[in-house]
Amino acid sequence: MYRSGEIEYRALPLPDRVQVPPEQSRAQAEAFRDRMARRHSVRDFAPDPVPEAVIAACIATAGGAPSGANHQPWHFAAIADPAMKARIREAAEEEERAFYSGGAGDEWLAALEPIGTGAEKPHLEIAPWLIVVFAQRYGITQDGARYKNYYVPESVGIATGFLIAAIHHAGLVCLTHTPNPMKFLGPLCGRPEHEKPVMILPVGYPAADATVPAAAKMKKPLDEIMTVFR
């Protein structure tokens, strides 16, 4: 991204101001809260195609997320190729079978029981798109020098949150799948060794008969997740 020695501090007037009166601010915050409350993690996808431009716009939103030292330590591989999706499903299910056959431990499996997950991952093939999120352990300048990235997990987590919100805003659904370790994803997607796959998001439209686990609707109330100091 950078060439050594070419970046220096330069102040710009705030380019975009979104400030509104307090009443409108509250209305907008509550409207967004209500919209995001309709977001669901979905495992039942329709095979209907989604235009690439929609996926690109969602990823561009993620690319605008804040990051440590503005190093933007992420890359997003958008996959629609059926053969690639089939290979990802095959590898994911191999790892998941080991996970559910005892590798996870009894406590973890018990915690997942109300969610209804299992080793079979057909959505990895049915969803029209898979977005693989890569975290860059370090960066490479345009002239080939290596530089340190900062707060990589936090930065990539924020960007992924932006991406999920954008997907929902676009009228689509997705599911978070964490590869463990699925090291083949880097070579499959043509990514360098210093990038680690941290998330796969199947993205598309929900199937007509899509369901979600009832337990997933049980969210902590506001007074359990917020403390106010006046």
C-alpha atoms as a PDB file:
ATOM      1  CA  MET A   1       0.000   0.000   0.000  1.00  0.00           C
ATOM      2  CA  TYR A   2       2.707   2.464   0.998  1.00  0.00           C
ATOM      3  CA  ARG A   3       6.131   3.384  -0.268  1.00  0.00           C
ATOM      4  CA  SER A   4       8.611   3.909   2.565  1.00  0.00           C
ATOM      5  CA  GLY A   5       8.995   7.552   3.560  1.00  0.00           C
ATOM      6  CA  GLU A   6       6.187   8.864   1.344  1.00  0.00           C
ATOM      7  CA  ILE A   7       3.471   9.223   3.983  1.00  0.00           C
ATOM      8  CA  GLU A   8       3.380  12.263   6.256  1.00  0.00           C
ATOM      9  CA  TYR A   9       0.746  13.949   8.384  1.00  0.00           C
ATOM     10  CA  ARG A  10      -1.406  16.499   6.565  1.00  0.00           C
ATOM     11  CA  ALA A  11      -4.616  17.860   8.070  1.00  0.00           C
ATOM     12  CA  LEU A  12      -7.758  18.060   5.927  1.00  0.00           C
ATOM     13  CA  PRO A  13     -10.949  19.871   6.816  1.00  0.00           C
ATOM     14  CA  LEU A  14     -13.580  17.314   7.781  1.00  0.00           C
ATOM     15  CA  PRO A  15     -14.755  16.171   4.316  1.00  0.00           C
ATOM     16  CA  ASP A  16     -18.225  14.960   5.300  1.00  0.00           C
ATOM     17  CA  ARG A  17     -20.487  16.230   8.040  1.00  0.00           C
ATOM     18  CA  VAL A  18     -23.468  14.116   8.977  1.00  0.00           C
ATOM     19  CA  GLN A  19     -24.512  16.003  12.099  1.00  0.00           C
ATOM     20  CA  VAL A  20     -28.261  16.495  12.489  1.00  0.00           C
ATOM     21  CA  PRO A  21     -30.430  17.975  15.247  1.00  0.00           C
ATOM     22  CA  PRO A  22     -30.763  15.790  18.383  1.00  0.00           C
ATOM     23  CA  GLU A  23     -34.336  14.753  17.597  1.00  0.00           C
ATOM     24  CA  GLN A  24     -33.363  13.576  14.126  1.00  0.00           C
ATOM     25  CA  SER A  25     -30.252  11.916  15.504  1.00  0.00           C
ATOM     26  CA  ARG A  26     -32.327   9.823  17.878  1.00  0.00           C
ATOM     27  CA  ALA A  27     -34.809   8.948  15.138  1.00  0.00           C
ATOM     28  CA  GLN A  28     -32.016   7.837  12.826  1.00  0.00           C
ATOM     29  CA  ALA A  29     -30.297   5.808  15.554  1.00  0.00           C
ATOM     30  CA  GLU A  30     -33.537   4.057  16.466  1.00  0.00           C
ATOM     31  CA  ALA A  31     -34.404   3.413  12.810  1.00  0.00           C
ATOM     32  CA  PHE A  32     -31.000   1.811  12.247  1.00  0.00           C
ATOM     33  CA  ARG A  33     -31.383  -0.205  15.450  1.00  0.00           C
ATOM     34  CA  ASP A  34     -34.731  -1.497  14.248  1.00  0.00           C
ATOM     35  CA  ARG A  35     -33.357  -2.316  10.802  1.00  0.00           C
ATOM     36  CA  MET A  36     -30.414  -4.229  12.231  1.00  0.00           C
ATOM     37  CA  ALA A  37     -32.752  -6.076  14.609  1.00  0.00           C
ATOM     38  CA  ARG A  38     -34.131  -7.742  11.471  1.00  0.00           C
ATOM     39  CA  ARG A  39     -30.694  -9.146  10.603  1.00  0.00           C
ATOM     40  CA  HIS A  40     -30.496 -12.914  10.965  1.00  0.00           C
ATOM     41  CA  SER A  41     -27.759 -15.472  10.446  1.00  0.00           C
ATOM     42  CA  VAL A  42     -29.221 -17.789   7.815  1.00  0.00           C
ATOM     43  CA  ARG A  43     -28.157 -21.276   6.765  1.00  0.00           C
ATOM     44  CA  ASP A  44     -30.889 -21.835   4.169  1.00  0.00           C
ATOM     45  CA  PHE A  45     -30.043 -20.000   0.957  1.00  0.00           C
ATOM     46  CA  ALA A  46     -31.836 -19.652  -2.336  1.00  0.00           C
ATOM     47  CA  PRO A  47     -29.630 -20.337  -5.359  1.00  0.00           C
ATOM     48  CA  ASP A  48     -30.798 -17.117  -7.046  1.00  0.00           C
ATOM     49  CA  PRO A  49     -27.874 -15.093  -8.402  1.00  0.00           C
ATOM     50  CA  VAL A  50     -26.769 -11.846  -6.786  1.00  0.00           C
ATOM     51  CA  PRO A  51     -25.147  -9.217  -9.036  1.00  0.00           C
ATOM     52  CA  GLU A  52     -21.409  -8.844  -8.542  1.00  0.00           C
ATOM     53  CA  ALA A  53     -21.877  -5.078  -8.266  1.00  0.00           C
ATOM     54  CA  VAL A  54     -23.893  -5.581  -5.068  1.00  0.00           C
ATOM     55  CA  ILE A  55     -21.122  -7.678  -3.505  1.00  0.00           C
ATOM     56  CA  ALA A  56     -18.505  -5.147  -4.610  1.00  0.00           C
ATOM     57  CA  ALA A  57     -20.440  -2.282  -3.001  1.00  0.00           C
ATOM     58  CA  CYS A  58     -20.711  -4.207   0.276  1.00  0.00           C
ATOM     59  CA  ILE A  59     -16.986  -4.954   0.293  1.00  0.00           C
ATOM     60  CA  ALA A  60     -16.218  -1.309  -0.521  1.00  0.00           C
ATOM     61  CA  THR A  61     -18.198  -0.393   2.591  1.00  0.00           C
ATOM     62  CA  ALA A  62     -16.039  -2.768   4.646  1.00  0.00           C
ATOM     63  CA  GLY A  63     -12.939  -1.199   3.126  1.00  0.00           C
ATOM     64  CA  GLY A  64     -13.902   2.142   4.649  1.00  0.00           C
ATOM     65  CA  ALA A  65     -13.753   0.822   8.218  1.00  0.00           C
ATOM     66  CA  PRO A  66     -11.296   2.331  10.706  1.00  0.00           C
ATOM     67  CA  SER A  67      -8.081   0.405  11.304  1.00  0.00           C
ATOM     68  CA  GLY A  68      -4.873   0.557  13.327  1.00  0.00           C
ATOM     69  CA  ALA A  69      -2.624   3.267  11.834  1.00  0.00           C
ATOM     70  CA  ASN A  70      -4.962   3.198   8.804  1.00  0.00           C
ATOM     71  CA  HIS A  71      -3.076   0.168   7.491  1.00  0.00           C
ATOM     72  CA  GLN A  72      -6.325  -1.567   6.463  1.00  0.00           C
ATOM     73  CA  PRO A  73      -4.959  -5.069   7.149  1.00  0.00           C
ATOM     74  CA  TRP A  74      -7.599  -7.014   5.238  1.00  0.00           C
ATOM     75  CA  HIS A  75      -8.475  -8.556   1.927  1.00  0.00           C
ATOM     76  CA  PHE A  76     -11.830  -9.920   0.769  1.00  0.00           C
ATOM     77  CA  ALA A  77     -12.057 -12.737  -1.782  1.00  0.00           C
ATOM     78  CA  ALA A  78     -15.503 -12.923  -3.387  1.00  0.00           C
ATOM     79  CA  ILE A  79     -16.167 -16.388  -4.808  1.00  0.00           C
ATOM     80  CA  ALA A  80     -18.986 -17.358  -7.143  1.00  0.00           C
ATOM     81  CA  ASP A  81     -17.132 -20.157  -8.958  1.00  0.00           C
ATOM     82  CA  PRO A  82     -18.993 -23.449  -8.281  1.00  0.00           C
ATOM     83  CA  ALA A  83     -15.830 -25.563  -8.278  1.00  0.00           C
ATOM     84  CA  MET A  84     -14.152 -23.341  -5.696  1.00  0.00           C
ATOM     85  CA  LYS A  85     -17.254 -23.337  -3.510  1.00  0.00           C
ATOM     86  CA  ALA A  86     -17.459 -27.138  -3.712  1.00  0.00           C
ATOM     87  CA  ARG A  87     -13.843 -27.489  -2.631  1.00  0.00           C
ATOM     88  CA  ILE A  88     -14.392 -25.108   0.295  1.00  0.00           C
ATOM     89  CA  ARG A  89     -17.451 -27.064   1.390  1.00  0.00           C
ATOM     90  CA  GLU A  90     -15.572 -30.379   1.200  1.00  0.00           C
ATOM     91  CA  ALA A  91     -12.699 -29.067   3.312  1.00  0.00           C
ATOM     92  CA  ALA A  92     -15.008 -27.328   5.786  1.00  0.00           C
ATOM     93  CA  GLU A  93     -17.080 -30.448   6.332  1.00  0.00           C
ATOM     94  CA  GLU A  94     -13.958 -32.543   6.911  1.00  0.00           C
ATOM     95  CA  GLU A  95     -12.908 -30.165   9.688  1.00  0.00           C
ATOM     96  CA  GLU A  96     -16.428 -29.933  11.071  1.00  0.00           C
ATOM     97  CA  ARG A  97     -16.776 -33.716  11.314  1.00  0.00           C
ATOM     98  CA  ALA A  98     -13.672 -33.798  13.513  1.00  0.00           C
ATOM     99  CA  PHE A  99     -15.068 -30.895  15.533  1.00  0.00           C
ATOM    100  CA  TYR A 100     -18.470 -32.467  16.159  1.00  0.00           C
ATOM    101  CA  SER A 101     -17.104 -35.957  16.782  1.00  0.00           C
ATOM    102  CA  GLY A 102     -15.334 -34.821  19.931  1.00  0.00           C
ATOM    103  CA  GLY A 103     -12.707 -32.293  18.976  1.00  0.00           C
ATOM    104  CA  ALA A 104     -14.799 -29.415  20.324  1.00  0.00           C
ATOM    105  CA  GLY A 105     -15.329 -30.812  23.809  1.00  0.00           C
ATOM    106  CA  ASP A 106     -18.618 -31.418  25.579  1.00  0.00           C
ATOM    107  CA  GLU A 107     -19.130 -27.867  26.861  1.00  0.00           C
ATOM    108  CA  TRP A 108     -18.777 -26.258  23.431  1.00  0.00           C
ATOM    109  CA  LEU A 109     -21.033 -28.829  21.780  1.00  0.00           C
ATOM    110  CA  ALA A 110     -23.652 -28.291  24.476  1.00  0.00           C
ATOM    111  CA  ALA A 111     -23.506 -24.545  23.882  1.00  0.00           C
ATOM    112  CA  LEU A 112     -24.105 -25.093  20.158  1.00  0.00           C
ATOM    113  CA  GLU A 113     -27.012 -27.492  20.602  1.00  0.00           C
ATOM    114  CA  PRO A 114     -29.719 -24.760  20.767  1.00  0.00           C
ATOM    115  CA  ILE A 115     -28.326 -23.293  17.549  1.00  0.00           C
ATOM    116  CA  GLY A 116     -28.839 -26.570  15.692  1.00  0.00           C
ATOM    117  CA  THR A 117     -25.525 -26.591  13.851  1.00  0.00           C
ATOM    118  CA  GLY A 118     -23.850 -29.714  12.492  1.00  0.00           C
ATOM    119  CA  ALA A 119     -21.046 -30.921  10.281  1.00  0.00           C
ATOM    120  CA  GLU A 120     -22.995 -30.622   7.021  1.00  0.00           C
ATOM    121  CA  LYS A 121     -22.493 -27.256   5.286  1.00  0.00           C
ATOM    122  CA  PRO A 122     -24.529 -27.299   2.052  1.00  0.00           C
ATOM    123  CA  HIS A 123     -24.922 -23.521   2.223  1.00  0.00           C
ATOM    124  CA  LEU A 124     -21.252 -23.186   1.258  1.00  0.00           C
ATOM    125  CA  GLU A 125     -22.246 -24.406  -2.201  1.00  0.00           C
ATOM    126  CA  ILE A 126     -25.829 -23.170  -2.468  1.00  0.00           C
ATOM    127  CA  ALA A 127     -25.200 -19.521  -1.556  1.00  0.00           C
ATOM    128  CA  PRO A 128     -24.360 -17.633  -4.758  1.00  0.00           C
ATOM    129  CA  TRP A 129     -21.354 -15.961  -3.153  1.00  0.00           C
ATOM    130  CA  LEU A 130     -18.771 -16.792  -0.536  1.00  0.00           C
ATOM    131  CA  ILE A 131     -16.728 -13.900   0.822  1.00  0.00           C
ATOM    132  CA  VAL A 132     -13.497 -15.036   2.455  1.00  0.00           C
ATOM    133  CA  VAL A 133     -12.095 -12.445   4.848  1.00  0.00           C
ATOM    134  CA  PHE A 134      -8.308 -12.446   5.143  1.00  0.00           C
ATOM    135  CA  ALA A 135      -6.294 -10.734   7.879  1.00  0.00           C
ATOM    136  CA  GLN A 136      -2.859  -9.449   6.910  1.00  0.00           C
ATOM    137  CA  ARG A 137      -0.343 -10.280   9.640  1.00  0.00           C
ATOM    138  CA  TYR A 138       1.973  -7.631   8.208  1.00  0.00           C
ATOM    139  CA  GLY A 139       1.979  -5.399   5.153  1.00  0.00           C
ATOM    140  CA  ILE A 140       4.169  -5.091   2.083  1.00  0.00           C
ATOM    141  CA  THR A 141       4.980  -1.683   0.601  1.00  0.00           C
ATOM    142  CA  GLN A 142       4.725  -1.113  -3.129  1.00  0.00           C
ATOM    143  CA  ASP A 143       8.499  -1.381  -3.332  1.00  0.00           C
ATOM    144  CA  GLY A 144       8.510  -4.734  -1.512  1.00  0.00           C
ATOM    145  CA  ALA A 145       9.467  -3.713   2.024  1.00  0.00           C
ATOM    146  CA  ARG A 146       7.725  -5.378   4.947  1.00  0.00           C
ATOM    147  CA  TYR A 147       5.991  -3.231   7.581  1.00  0.00           C
ATOM    148  CA  LYS A 148       4.105  -3.975  10.791  1.00  0.00           C
ATOM    149  CA  ASN A 149       0.323  -3.879  11.012  1.00  0.00           C
ATOM    150  CA  TYR A 150      -1.334  -2.836  14.266  1.00  0.00           C
ATOM    151  CA  TYR A 151      -4.469  -4.100  15.999  1.00  0.00           C
ATOM    152  CA  VAL A 152      -5.070  -6.582  13.207  1.00  0.00           C
ATOM    153  CA  PRO A 153      -7.828  -8.700  14.864  1.00  0.00           C
ATOM    154  CA  GLU A 154      -9.653  -5.591  16.040  1.00  0.00           C
ATOM    155  CA  SER A 155      -9.372  -3.872  12.659  1.00  0.00           C
ATOM    156  CA  VAL A 156     -10.517  -6.902  10.673  1.00  0.00           C
ATOM    157  CA  GLY A 157     -13.347  -7.486  13.140  1.00  0.00           C
ATOM    158  CA  ILE A 158     -14.608  -3.925  12.670  1.00  0.00           C
ATOM    159  CA  ALA A 159     -14.401  -4.236   8.867  1.00  0.00           C
ATOM    160  CA  THR A 160     -16.282  -7.529   8.961  1.00  0.00           C
ATOM    161  CA  GLY A 161     -18.993  -5.866  11.047  1.00  0.00           C
ATOM    162  CA  PHE A 162     -19.277  -3.130   8.420  1.00  0.00           C
ATOM    163  CA  LEU A 163     -19.517  -5.834   5.755  1.00  0.00           C
ATOM    164  CA  ILE A 164     -22.282  -7.746   7.526  1.00  0.00           C
ATOM    165  CA  ALA A 165     -24.267  -4.542   8.072  1.00  0.00           C
ATOM    166  CA  ALA A 166     -23.861  -3.636   4.387  1.00  0.00           C
ATOM    167  CA  ILE A 167     -25.011  -7.105   3.303  1.00  0.00           C
ATOM    168  CA  HIS A 168     -28.137  -6.766   5.437  1.00  0.00           C
ATOM    169  CA  HIS A 169     -28.751  -3.221   4.172  1.00  0.00           C
ATOM    170  CA  ALA A 170     -28.601  -4.584   0.618  1.00  0.00           C
ATOM    171  CA  GLY A 171     -31.488  -6.958   1.372  1.00  0.00           C
ATOM    172  CA  LEU A 172     -29.294 -10.057   1.555  1.00  0.00           C
ATOM    173  CA  VAL A 173     -28.471 -12.533   4.302  1.00  0.00           C
ATOM    174  CA  CYS A 174     -25.219 -14.127   5.378  1.00  0.00           C
ATOM    175  CA  LEU A 175     -23.733 -16.521   7.878  1.00  0.00           C
ATOM    176  CA  THR A 176     -20.446 -16.290   9.760  1.00  0.00           C
ATOM    177  CA  HIS A 177     -18.274 -19.369   9.312  1.00  0.00           C
ATOM    178  CA  THR A 178     -14.873 -19.394  10.964  1.00  0.00           C
ATOM    179  CA  PRO A 179     -12.368 -21.620   9.146  1.00  0.00           C
ATOM    180  CA  ASN A 180     -10.187 -23.667  11.456  1.00  0.00           C
ATOM    181  CA  PRO A 181      -7.623 -23.601  10.050  1.00  0.00           C
ATOM    182  CA  MET A 182      -8.495 -24.156   6.332  1.00  0.00           C
ATOM    183  CA  LYS A 183      -4.988 -23.108   5.317  1.00  0.00           C
ATOM    184  CA  PHE A 184      -5.696 -24.048   1.708  1.00  0.00           C
ATOM    185  CA  LEU A 185      -7.899 -20.954   1.340  1.00  0.00           C
ATOM    186  CA  GLY A 186      -4.900 -18.683   0.796  1.00  0.00           C
ATOM    187  CA  PRO A 187      -3.467 -20.629  -2.164  1.00  0.00           C
ATOM    188  CA  LEU A 188      -6.970 -21.305  -3.524  1.00  0.00           C
ATOM    189  CA  CYS A 189      -7.694 -17.579  -3.574  1.00  0.00           C
ATOM    190  CA  GLY A 190      -4.218 -16.609  -4.741  1.00  0.00           C
ATOM    191  CA  ARG A 191      -3.383 -14.796  -1.521  1.00  0.00           C
ATOM    192  CA  PRO A 192       0.142 -14.408  -0.079  1.00  0.00           C
ATOM    193  CA  GLU A 193       1.441 -16.326   2.928  1.00  0.00           C
ATOM    194  CA  HIS A 194       1.178 -13.387   5.319  1.00  0.00           C
ATOM    195  CA  GLU A 195      -2.629 -13.344   4.975  1.00  0.00           C
ATOM    196  CA  LYS A 196      -4.696 -15.586   7.247  1.00  0.00           C
ATOM    197  CA  PRO A 197      -8.310 -16.565   6.485  1.00  0.00           C
ATOM    198  CA  VAL A 198     -10.468 -15.621   9.470  1.00  0.00           C
ATOM    199  CA  MET A 199     -14.037 -15.722   8.193  1.00  0.00           C
ATOM    200  CA  ILE A 200     -16.170 -17.117   5.394  1.00  0.00           C
ATOM    201  CA  LEU A 201     -19.470 -15.366   4.728  1.00  0.00           C
ATOM    202  CA  PRO A 202     -21.935 -17.222   2.504  1.00  0.00           C
ATOM    203  CA  VAL A 203     -24.066 -14.436   1.005  1.00  0.00           C
ATOM    204  CA  GLY A 204     -27.337 -14.491  -0.904  1.00  0.00           C
ATOM    205  CA  TYR A 205     -31.099 -14.477  -0.576  1.00  0.00           C
ATOM    206  CA  PRO A 206     -32.851 -16.632   2.019  1.00  0.00           C
ATOM    207  CA  ALA A 207     -34.616 -19.760   0.788  1.00  0.00           C
ATOM    208  CA  ALA A 208     -38.413 -19.674   0.780  1.00  0.00           C
ATOM    209  CA  ASP A 209     -38.435 -22.157   3.654  1.00  0.00           C
ATOM    210  CA  ALA A 210     -35.495 -20.619   5.544  1.00  0.00           C
ATOM    211  CA  THR A 211     -35.530 -20.967   9.318  1.00  0.00           C
ATOM    212  CA  VAL A 212     -33.488 -19.601  12.191  1.00  0.00           C
ATOM    213  CA  PRO A 213     -33.016 -21.164  15.630  1.00  0.00           C
ATOM    214  CA  ALA A 214     -35.412 -19.750  18.208  1.00  0.00           C
ATOM    215  CA  ALA A 215     -32.495 -19.343  20.598  1.00  0.00           C
ATOM    216  CA  ALA A 216     -30.870 -16.878  18.196  1.00  0.00           C
ATOM    217  CA  LYS A 217     -33.661 -14.395  18.908  1.00  0.00           C
ATOM    218  CA  MET A 218     -32.753 -14.304  22.590  1.00  0.00           C
ATOM    219  CA  LYS A 219     -30.626 -11.172  22.893  1.00  0.00           C
ATOM    220  CA  LYS A 220     -29.353  -9.649  26.099  1.00  0.00           C
ATOM    221  CA  PRO A 221     -31.431  -6.630  27.186  1.00  0.00           C
ATOM    222  CA  LEU A 222     -29.902  -3.188  26.984  1.00  0.00           C
ATOM    223  CA  ASP A 223     -29.413  -2.895  30.737  1.00  0.00           C
ATOM    224  CA  GLU A 224     -27.122  -5.931  30.634  1.00  0.00           C
ATOM    225  CA  ILE A 225     -24.885  -4.673  27.845  1.00  0.00           C
ATOM    226  CA  MET A 226     -24.688  -0.946  28.654  1.00  0.00           C
ATOM    227  CA  THR A 227     -23.441   0.942  31.690  1.00  0.00           C
ATOM    228  CA  VAL A 228     -23.882   4.716  31.772  1.00  0.00           C
ATOM    229  CA  PHE A 229     -21.774   7.086  33.868  1.00  0.00           C
ATOM    230  CA  ARG A 230     -23.260  10.584  34.016  1.00  0.00           C
END
